[in-house]
């Protein structure tokens, strides 16, 4: 019984301690990833963006041409890890018809991956 009680106390105390890494961690500074509407081609609207540059979601009235997608990639590709493309009528998360990731176009409709130039 004493052995079980000792283990229980040790587990409880371990859960109450904080690691030095957690205590000394400083909040990460925000990056300059937030962009405004003027940064992207006029046919697109920004519908969501992460301030630290993880992703941005843009919408247009219909599926964009490859030329417009390349313009978006040029404007936003180096500022965000992922650029999601959707339409105004289907703009919820998961409704994207394509994404730009690391210089590649992931076309979800046609199930293709293309390198953008």
N, C-alpha and C. Protein backbone atom coordinates (compact mmCIF):
# COMPACT_ATOMS: atom_id res chain seq x y z
N UNK A 1 0.82 -1.19 0.00
CA UNK A 1 0.00 0.00 0.00
C UNK A 1 0.87 1.26 0.00
N UNK A 2 1.93 1.26 0.80
CA UNK A 2 2.83 2.41 0.86
C UNK A 2 3.50 2.66 -0.48
N UNK A 3 3.82 1.58 -1.20
CA UNK A 3 4.46 1.70 -2.52
C UNK A 3 3.51 2.41 -3.50
N UNK A 4 2.23 2.04 -3.50
CA UNK A 4 1.25 2.67 -4.39
C UNK A 4 1.05 4.14 -4.04
N UNK A 5 1.05 4.44 -2.74
CA UNK A 5 0.89 5.82 -2.30
C UNK A 5 2.09 6.66 -2.72
N UNK A 6 3.28 6.11 -2.63
CA UNK A 6 4.49 6.83 -3.05
C UNK A 6 4.45 7.13 -4.54
N UNK A 7 4.03 6.16 -5.33
CA UNK A 7 3.92 6.36 -6.79
C UNK A 7 2.88 7.43 -7.09
N UNK A 8 1.76 7.40 -6.40
CA UNK A 8 0.69 8.38 -6.62
C UNK A 8 1.18 9.80 -6.30
N UNK A 9 1.90 9.95 -5.19
CA UNK A 9 2.43 11.27 -4.82
C UNK A 9 3.46 11.74 -5.84
N UNK A 10 4.32 10.84 -6.31
CA UNK A 10 5.34 11.20 -7.30
C UNK A 10 4.68 11.66 -8.60
N UNK A 11 3.65 10.98 -9.05
CA UNK A 11 2.94 11.35 -10.27
C UNK A 11 2.25 12.70 -10.08
N UNK A 12 1.64 12.91 -8.95
CA UNK A 12 0.96 14.18 -8.68
C UNK A 12 1.94 15.34 -8.66
N UNK A 13 3.09 15.14 -8.03
CA UNK A 13 4.09 16.21 -7.99
C UNK A 13 4.69 16.47 -9.36
N UNK A 14 4.88 15.43 -10.15
CA UNK A 14 5.42 15.61 -11.50
C UNK A 14 4.47 16.42 -12.36
N UNK A 15 3.17 16.24 -12.16
CA UNK A 15 2.18 17.00 -12.93
C UNK A 15 2.10 18.45 -12.51
N UNK A 16 2.56 18.78 -11.33
CA UNK A 16 2.49 20.15 -10.83
C UNK A 16 3.71 20.98 -11.18
N UNK A 17 4.76 20.36 -11.66
CA UNK A 17 5.97 21.11 -11.97
C UNK A 17 5.91 21.61 -13.40
N UNK A 18 6.57 22.73 -13.64
CA UNK A 18 6.67 23.28 -14.99
C UNK A 18 8.11 23.16 -15.44
N UNK A 19 8.28 22.85 -16.68
CA UNK A 19 9.64 22.75 -17.19
C UNK A 19 10.23 24.14 -17.35
N UNK A 20 11.54 24.22 -17.29
CA UNK A 20 12.23 25.50 -17.47
C UNK A 20 11.96 26.05 -18.85
N UNK A 21 11.86 25.17 -19.84
CA UNK A 21 11.60 25.59 -21.21
C UNK A 21 10.25 26.32 -21.30
N UNK A 22 9.24 25.81 -20.61
CA UNK A 22 7.91 26.43 -20.65
C UNK A 22 7.94 27.79 -19.94
N UNK A 23 8.58 27.87 -18.81
CA UNK A 23 8.60 29.11 -18.03
C UNK A 23 9.34 30.21 -18.78
N UNK A 24 10.46 29.86 -19.42
CA UNK A 24 11.27 30.89 -20.05
C UNK A 24 10.88 31.17 -21.50
N UNK A 25 9.92 30.44 -22.03
CA UNK A 25 9.55 30.64 -23.43
C UNK A 25 8.92 32.02 -23.60
N UNK A 26 9.36 32.73 -24.61
CA UNK A 26 8.82 34.04 -24.94
C UNK A 26 7.83 33.87 -26.08
N UNK A 27 6.78 34.67 -26.13
CA UNK A 27 5.87 34.58 -27.26
C UNK A 27 6.59 34.89 -28.56
N UNK A 28 6.22 34.15 -29.61
CA UNK A 28 6.86 34.36 -30.90
C UNK A 28 6.39 35.69 -31.48
N UNK A 29 7.31 36.48 -31.99
CA UNK A 29 6.89 37.74 -32.60
C UNK A 29 6.12 37.49 -33.89
N UNK A 30 5.13 38.31 -34.14
CA UNK A 30 4.36 38.19 -35.37
C UNK A 30 5.24 38.56 -36.55
N UNK A 31 5.04 37.87 -37.65
CA UNK A 31 5.82 38.17 -38.84
C UNK A 31 5.08 39.21 -39.67
N UNK A 32 5.70 39.61 -40.74
CA UNK A 32 5.11 40.60 -41.64
C UNK A 32 4.26 39.91 -42.71
N UNK A 33 3.68 38.77 -42.39
CA UNK A 33 2.96 37.99 -43.38
C UNK A 33 1.58 38.54 -43.71
N UNK A 34 1.02 39.35 -42.87
CA UNK A 34 -0.32 39.86 -43.13
C UNK A 34 -0.26 40.80 -44.34
N UNK A 35 -1.11 40.52 -45.31
CA UNK A 35 -1.13 41.33 -46.53
C UNK A 35 -2.50 41.98 -46.68
N UNK A 36 -2.56 43.02 -47.47
CA UNK A 36 -3.84 43.66 -47.71
C UNK A 36 -4.32 43.33 -49.12
N UNK A 37 -5.53 43.73 -49.40
CA UNK A 37 -6.18 43.41 -50.67
C UNK A 37 -5.40 43.91 -51.88
N UNK A 38 -4.72 45.02 -51.77
CA UNK A 38 -4.00 45.59 -52.91
C UNK A 38 -2.82 44.73 -53.36
N UNK A 39 -2.41 43.78 -52.54
CA UNK A 39 -1.27 42.94 -52.86
C UNK A 39 -1.58 41.87 -53.90
N UNK A 40 -2.85 41.48 -54.00
CA UNK A 40 -3.22 40.37 -54.89
C UNK A 40 -3.96 40.88 -56.12
N UNK A 41 -4.05 40.05 -57.18
CA UNK A 41 -4.79 40.47 -58.38
C UNK A 41 -6.23 40.86 -58.03
N UNK A 42 -6.77 41.80 -58.77
CA UNK A 42 -8.08 42.40 -58.48
C UNK A 42 -9.23 41.41 -58.46
N UNK A 43 -9.13 40.33 -59.22
CA UNK A 43 -10.24 39.37 -59.27
C UNK A 43 -10.39 38.53 -58.00
N UNK A 44 -9.41 38.60 -57.11
CA UNK A 44 -9.42 37.81 -55.88
C UNK A 44 -9.71 38.68 -54.67
N UNK A 45 -10.29 38.05 -53.65
CA UNK A 45 -10.51 38.70 -52.36
C UNK A 45 -9.92 37.80 -51.28
N UNK A 46 -9.28 38.41 -50.31
CA UNK A 46 -8.74 37.66 -49.18
C UNK A 46 -9.90 37.35 -48.25
N UNK A 47 -10.08 36.07 -47.93
CA UNK A 47 -11.17 35.70 -47.03
C UNK A 47 -10.66 35.23 -45.68
N UNK A 48 -9.38 34.83 -45.62
CA UNK A 48 -8.80 34.42 -44.34
C UNK A 48 -7.29 34.39 -44.51
N UNK A 49 -6.58 34.79 -43.45
CA UNK A 49 -5.12 34.68 -43.47
C UNK A 49 -4.59 34.52 -42.06
N UNK A 50 -3.54 33.78 -41.95
CA UNK A 50 -2.90 33.56 -40.65
C UNK A 50 -1.81 34.61 -40.50
N UNK A 51 -1.75 35.32 -39.37
CA UNK A 51 -0.79 36.42 -39.21
C UNK A 51 0.67 35.98 -39.20
N UNK A 52 0.94 34.71 -38.95
CA UNK A 52 2.33 34.26 -38.92
C UNK A 52 2.75 33.61 -40.23
N UNK A 53 1.93 33.69 -41.25
CA UNK A 53 2.31 33.22 -42.57
C UNK A 53 2.08 31.76 -42.85
N UNK A 54 1.29 31.08 -42.03
CA UNK A 54 1.05 29.67 -42.28
C UNK A 54 0.18 29.46 -43.52
N UNK A 55 -0.87 30.27 -43.68
CA UNK A 55 -1.75 30.10 -44.83
C UNK A 55 -2.50 31.40 -45.11
N UNK A 56 -3.02 31.47 -46.32
CA UNK A 56 -3.95 32.52 -46.72
C UNK A 56 -4.97 31.86 -47.64
N UNK A 57 -6.21 32.32 -47.55
CA UNK A 57 -7.27 31.81 -48.42
C UNK A 57 -7.81 32.97 -49.22
N UNK A 58 -7.87 32.79 -50.54
CA UNK A 58 -8.40 33.82 -51.43
C UNK A 58 -9.53 33.22 -52.25
N UNK A 59 -10.48 34.08 -52.61
CA UNK A 59 -11.65 33.64 -53.38
C UNK A 59 -11.83 34.51 -54.60
N UNK A 60 -12.44 33.93 -55.63
CA UNK A 60 -12.79 34.66 -56.85
C UNK A 60 -14.17 34.17 -57.30
N UNK A 61 -14.71 34.80 -58.33
CA UNK A 61 -16.06 34.45 -58.76
C UNK A 61 -16.13 33.06 -59.38
N UNK A 62 -15.06 32.59 -59.95
CA UNK A 62 -15.01 31.25 -60.54
C UNK A 62 -13.59 30.72 -60.41
N UNK A 63 -13.36 29.56 -60.98
CA UNK A 63 -12.01 29.01 -60.93
C UNK A 63 -11.07 29.88 -61.76
N UNK A 64 -9.94 30.16 -61.20
CA UNK A 64 -8.98 31.07 -61.84
C UNK A 64 -8.22 30.37 -62.97
N UNK A 65 -7.79 31.16 -63.92
CA UNK A 65 -6.94 30.64 -65.00
C UNK A 65 -5.54 30.40 -64.45
N UNK A 66 -4.74 29.66 -65.18
CA UNK A 66 -3.37 29.38 -64.74
C UNK A 66 -2.56 30.67 -64.65
N UNK A 67 -2.83 31.62 -65.52
CA UNK A 67 -2.13 32.91 -65.47
C UNK A 67 -2.45 33.67 -64.19
N UNK A 68 -3.72 33.68 -63.80
CA UNK A 68 -4.12 34.34 -62.56
C UNK A 68 -3.54 33.63 -61.34
N UNK A 69 -3.50 32.30 -61.41
CA UNK A 69 -2.93 31.53 -60.31
C UNK A 69 -1.44 31.83 -60.17
N UNK A 70 -0.76 31.97 -61.28
CA UNK A 70 0.68 32.32 -61.23
C UNK A 70 0.86 33.72 -60.65
N UNK A 71 -0.03 34.64 -60.96
CA UNK A 71 0.04 35.99 -60.38
C UNK A 71 -0.14 35.94 -58.86
N UNK A 72 -1.08 35.12 -58.40
CA UNK A 72 -1.30 34.96 -56.96
C UNK A 72 -0.06 34.33 -56.32
N UNK A 73 0.49 33.32 -56.98
CA UNK A 73 1.69 32.66 -56.45
C UNK A 73 2.85 33.64 -56.35
N UNK A 74 3.01 34.49 -57.32
CA UNK A 74 4.07 35.49 -57.29
C UNK A 74 3.85 36.49 -56.17
N UNK A 75 2.61 36.91 -55.98
CA UNK A 75 2.30 37.92 -54.96
C UNK A 75 2.35 37.36 -53.54
N UNK A 76 1.96 36.10 -53.36
CA UNK A 76 1.78 35.58 -52.00
C UNK A 76 2.64 34.37 -51.65
N UNK A 77 3.17 33.70 -52.64
CA UNK A 77 3.86 32.44 -52.40
C UNK A 77 5.02 32.51 -51.44
N UNK A 78 5.76 33.61 -51.44
CA UNK A 78 6.91 33.71 -50.54
C UNK A 78 6.52 34.21 -49.15
N UNK A 79 5.30 34.66 -48.98
CA UNK A 79 4.86 35.18 -47.68
C UNK A 79 4.08 34.16 -46.86
N UNK A 80 3.54 33.13 -47.51
CA UNK A 80 2.72 32.14 -46.84
C UNK A 80 3.18 30.73 -47.22
N UNK A 81 3.06 29.82 -46.28
CA UNK A 81 3.40 28.43 -46.55
C UNK A 81 2.41 27.79 -47.53
N UNK A 82 1.15 28.21 -47.44
CA UNK A 82 0.10 27.64 -48.29
C UNK A 82 -0.87 28.73 -48.71
N UNK A 83 -1.22 28.75 -49.98
CA UNK A 83 -2.23 29.67 -50.50
C UNK A 83 -3.39 28.81 -51.01
N UNK A 84 -4.56 28.95 -50.41
CA UNK A 84 -5.74 28.19 -50.83
C UNK A 84 -6.61 29.04 -51.74
N UNK A 85 -7.09 28.44 -52.82
CA UNK A 85 -7.95 29.12 -53.78
C UNK A 85 -9.34 28.52 -53.72
N UNK A 86 -10.34 29.38 -53.63
CA UNK A 86 -11.73 28.91 -53.61
C UNK A 86 -12.60 29.93 -54.33
N UNK A 87 -13.87 29.63 -54.42
CA UNK A 87 -14.81 30.56 -55.06
C UNK A 87 -15.66 31.24 -53.99
N UNK A 88 -16.32 32.31 -54.38
CA UNK A 88 -17.18 33.02 -53.44
C UNK A 88 -18.34 32.14 -52.98
N UNK A 89 -18.81 31.25 -53.83
CA UNK A 89 -19.94 30.40 -53.47
C UNK A 89 -19.51 29.16 -52.67
N UNK A 90 -18.27 28.76 -52.77
CA UNK A 90 -17.74 27.61 -52.01
C UNK A 90 -16.45 28.04 -51.35
N UNK A 91 -16.57 28.68 -50.19
CA UNK A 91 -15.39 29.29 -49.58
C UNK A 91 -15.10 28.80 -48.16
N UNK A 92 -15.81 27.80 -47.70
CA UNK A 92 -15.54 27.24 -46.37
C UNK A 92 -14.26 26.41 -46.43
N UNK A 93 -13.65 26.20 -45.27
CA UNK A 93 -12.47 25.34 -45.23
C UNK A 93 -12.85 23.96 -45.75
N UNK A 94 -12.02 23.45 -46.62
CA UNK A 94 -12.29 22.17 -47.26
C UNK A 94 -12.93 22.32 -48.63
N UNK A 95 -13.38 23.53 -48.98
CA UNK A 95 -14.00 23.77 -50.29
C UNK A 95 -13.00 24.23 -51.34
N UNK A 96 -11.72 24.31 -51.02
CA UNK A 96 -10.72 24.82 -51.95
C UNK A 96 -10.67 23.95 -53.21
N UNK A 97 -10.52 24.59 -54.35
CA UNK A 97 -10.36 23.83 -55.58
C UNK A 97 -8.89 23.65 -55.92
N UNK A 98 -8.03 24.45 -55.27
CA UNK A 98 -6.59 24.32 -55.51
C UNK A 98 -5.83 24.98 -54.37
N UNK A 99 -4.56 24.59 -54.25
CA UNK A 99 -3.67 25.22 -53.27
C UNK A 99 -2.30 25.39 -53.92
N UNK A 100 -1.61 26.44 -53.49
CA UNK A 100 -0.23 26.67 -53.92
C UNK A 100 0.64 26.41 -52.70
N UNK A 101 1.53 25.42 -52.82
CA UNK A 101 2.42 25.04 -51.73
C UNK A 101 3.81 24.83 -52.32
N UNK A 102 4.77 25.59 -51.82
CA UNK A 102 6.17 25.42 -52.22
C UNK A 102 6.37 25.45 -53.73
N UNK A 103 5.72 26.41 -54.40
CA UNK A 103 5.91 26.57 -55.84
C UNK A 103 5.18 25.56 -56.70
N UNK A 104 4.29 24.79 -56.09
CA UNK A 104 3.53 23.79 -56.84
C UNK A 104 2.04 24.09 -56.69
N UNK A 105 1.30 23.82 -57.75
CA UNK A 105 -0.15 23.96 -57.75
C UNK A 105 -0.77 22.60 -57.51
N UNK A 106 -1.51 22.48 -56.43
CA UNK A 106 -2.23 21.25 -56.13
C UNK A 106 -3.67 21.46 -56.58
N UNK A 107 -4.02 20.88 -57.72
CA UNK A 107 -5.34 21.01 -58.32
C UNK A 107 -6.20 19.87 -57.80
N UNK A 108 -7.09 20.17 -56.86
CA UNK A 108 -7.90 19.14 -56.23
C UNK A 108 -9.02 18.65 -57.14
N UNK A 109 -9.49 19.48 -58.04
CA UNK A 109 -10.58 19.10 -58.94
C UNK A 109 -10.11 18.06 -59.95
N UNK A 110 -8.93 18.30 -60.54
CA UNK A 110 -8.41 17.40 -61.56
C UNK A 110 -7.40 16.40 -61.02
N UNK A 111 -7.15 16.44 -59.71
CA UNK A 111 -6.22 15.52 -59.05
C UNK A 111 -4.83 15.55 -59.71
N UNK A 112 -4.28 16.79 -59.81
CA UNK A 112 -2.98 16.99 -60.45
C UNK A 112 -2.10 17.88 -59.56
N UNK A 113 -0.81 17.68 -59.68
CA UNK A 113 0.17 18.56 -59.06
C UNK A 113 1.05 19.08 -60.19
N UNK A 114 1.15 20.42 -60.28
CA UNK A 114 1.91 21.06 -61.35
C UNK A 114 2.90 22.03 -60.73
N UNK A 115 4.10 22.06 -61.27
CA UNK A 115 5.09 23.03 -60.83
C UNK A 115 4.81 24.37 -61.51
N UNK A 116 4.73 25.44 -60.71
CA UNK A 116 4.49 26.77 -61.27
C UNK A 116 5.85 27.39 -61.65
N UNK A 117 5.88 28.10 -62.74
CA UNK A 117 7.12 28.76 -63.18
C UNK A 117 7.10 30.21 -62.81
